[in-house]
Protein backbone atom coordinates (compact mmCIF):
# COMPACT_ATOMS: atom_id res chain seq x y z
CA UNK A 1 13.59 45.41 15.60
CA UNK A 2 12.46 42.66 13.20
CA UNK A 3 16.06 42.23 12.05
CA UNK A 4 17.09 41.08 15.54
CA UNK A 5 14.23 38.57 15.69
CA UNK A 6 15.24 37.15 12.33
CA UNK A 7 18.92 37.03 13.35
CA UNK A 8 17.98 35.14 16.50
CA UNK A 9 16.10 32.55 14.44
CA UNK A 10 18.94 32.19 11.94
CA UNK A 11 21.60 31.80 14.64
CA UNK A 12 19.58 29.25 16.58
CA UNK A 13 18.92 27.25 13.39
CA UNK A 14 22.61 27.11 12.58
CA UNK A 15 23.35 24.98 15.64
CA UNK A 16 20.39 22.56 15.45
CA UNK A 17 19.93 19.39 13.45
CA UNK A 18 17.75 19.77 10.36
CA UNK A 19 14.08 18.92 10.82
CA UNK A 20 13.88 17.01 7.53
CA UNK A 21 15.75 14.05 6.09
CA UNK A 22 18.20 14.28 3.24
CA UNK A 23 15.93 11.88 1.29
CA UNK A 24 17.90 10.56 -1.64
CA UNK A 25 20.99 10.09 0.49
CA UNK A 26 19.25 8.77 3.60
CA UNK A 27 16.04 6.80 2.91
CA UNK A 28 13.20 6.87 5.38
CA UNK A 29 13.21 4.19 8.07
CA UNK A 30 9.73 2.88 8.80
CA UNK A 31 8.66 1.70 12.22
CA UNK A 32 8.15 -2.10 12.35
CA UNK A 33 4.48 -1.72 13.29
CA UNK A 34 3.65 0.50 10.29
CA UNK A 35 1.53 -1.22 7.65
CA UNK A 36 2.39 -0.18 4.14
CA UNK A 37 1.37 -2.48 1.31
CA UNK A 38 0.36 -6.06 0.62
CA UNK A 39 2.31 -8.40 -1.63
CA UNK A 40 1.45 -11.87 -2.88
CA UNK A 41 3.57 -14.88 -3.77
CA UNK A 42 1.36 -15.99 -6.64
CA UNK A 43 3.20 -19.31 -7.04
CA UNK A 44 2.02 -20.43 -3.58
CA UNK A 45 -1.56 -19.15 -3.97
CA UNK A 46 -4.32 -21.77 -4.37
CA UNK A 47 -6.97 -19.12 -5.23
CA UNK A 48 -9.26 -20.22 -2.42
CA UNK A 49 -10.77 -16.73 -2.04
CA UNK A 50 -10.36 -16.56 1.75
CA UNK A 51 -8.56 -13.22 1.47
CA UNK A 52 -11.43 -11.84 -0.63
CA UNK A 53 -13.99 -12.92 1.97
CA UNK A 54 -12.00 -11.44 4.87
CA UNK A 55 -11.33 -8.06 3.19
CA UNK A 56 -13.65 -5.51 4.84
CA UNK A 57 -13.50 -3.09 1.89
CA UNK A 58 -13.72 -5.61 -0.95
CA UNK A 59 -10.39 -4.49 -2.37
CA UNK A 60 -9.32 -8.03 -3.30
CA UNK A 61 -10.81 -9.91 -6.25
CA UNK A 62 -10.02 -13.61 -6.74
CA UNK A 63 -11.13 -15.49 -9.84
CA UNK A 64 -10.59 -19.16 -9.20
CA UNK A 65 -11.38 -20.43 -12.72
CA UNK A 66 -8.99 -18.00 -14.43
CA UNK A 67 -6.45 -18.25 -11.60
CA UNK A 68 -6.35 -14.45 -11.23
CA UNK A 69 -5.80 -12.37 -8.12
CA UNK A 70 -6.11 -8.59 -8.08
CA UNK A 71 -6.12 -5.86 -5.46
CA UNK A 72 -7.40 -2.30 -5.75
CA UNK A 73 -4.57 -0.34 -4.06
CA UNK A 74 -6.74 2.70 -3.35
CA UNK A 75 -9.48 0.63 -1.68
CA UNK A 76 -7.09 -1.30 0.59
CA UNK A 77 -6.97 0.02 4.17
CA UNK A 78 -3.95 -2.11 5.18
CA UNK A 79 -5.85 -3.95 7.93
CA UNK A 80 -3.85 -7.19 7.39
CA UNK A 81 -6.98 -9.39 7.60
CA UNK A 82 -6.17 -10.99 4.25
CA UNK A 83 -2.62 -11.92 5.21
CA UNK A 84 -3.75 -13.36 8.56
CA UNK A 85 -6.48 -15.48 6.96
CA UNK A 86 -4.42 -16.89 4.07
CA UNK A 87 -4.10 -20.68 4.55
CA UNK A 88 -0.97 -20.91 2.35
CA UNK A 89 0.73 -17.85 3.88
CA UNK A 90 1.31 -16.32 0.45
CA UNK A 91 0.17 -12.80 1.39
CA UNK A 92 2.56 -10.52 3.26
CA UNK A 93 2.15 -7.03 4.67
CA UNK A 94 5.27 -4.92 4.25
CA UNK A 95 5.98 -1.79 6.28
CA UNK A 96 7.10 0.34 3.34
CA UNK A 97 5.07 2.71 1.24
CA UNK A 98 3.09 1.33 -1.67
CA UNK A 99 5.36 1.29 -4.72
CA UNK A 100 4.43 3.66 -7.53
CA UNK A 101 2.75 2.25 -10.60
CA UNK A 102 4.10 3.79 -13.77
CA UNK A 103 1.27 2.51 -15.97
CA UNK A 104 -2.03 4.05 -14.87
CA UNK A 105 -3.94 2.27 -17.65
CA UNK A 106 -3.44 -1.08 -15.91
CA UNK A 107 -5.27 0.15 -12.80
CA UNK A 108 -8.07 1.73 -14.81
CA UNK A 109 -8.54 -1.39 -16.99
CA UNK A 110 -8.61 -3.64 -13.92
CA UNK A 111 -11.30 -1.48 -12.32
CA UNK A 112 -13.41 -1.45 -15.46
CA UNK A 113 -13.23 -5.22 -15.89
CA UNK A 114 -14.04 -5.88 -12.25
CA UNK A 115 -16.95 -3.40 -12.35
CA UNK A 116 -18.31 -4.99 -15.52
CA UNK A 117 -18.25 -8.43 -13.92
CA UNK A 118 -19.99 -7.12 -10.81
CA UNK A 119 -22.77 -5.67 -12.95
CA UNK A 120 -23.33 -9.00 -14.73
CA UNK A 121 -24.18 -10.69 -11.43
CA UNK A 122 -26.79 -8.06 -10.55
């Protein structure tokens, strides 16, 4: 009896489209309203800190004196407040997934340095 149920499933699956994408051959198409990751055009940035003030999670750190801008990718909630508040329009929200970072030490070092600076102020 179970053989006939399995055969029914197999036969019906043979004539349907696959439920998944053939990923390497056909990349995923994101909806235009999906928010994925933030990118900055650092050449246009004036390091005013407006994006840092508008970020509800504090994921963005701007150091005006050193002319440094950093974002914690795991703290960012993709709300787009920073890009909307930027006076020079140098921040852009893209609707693709956040690109992978091959060097995990860079993220860890950035967190440690930012945390150390936060503790100095306290």
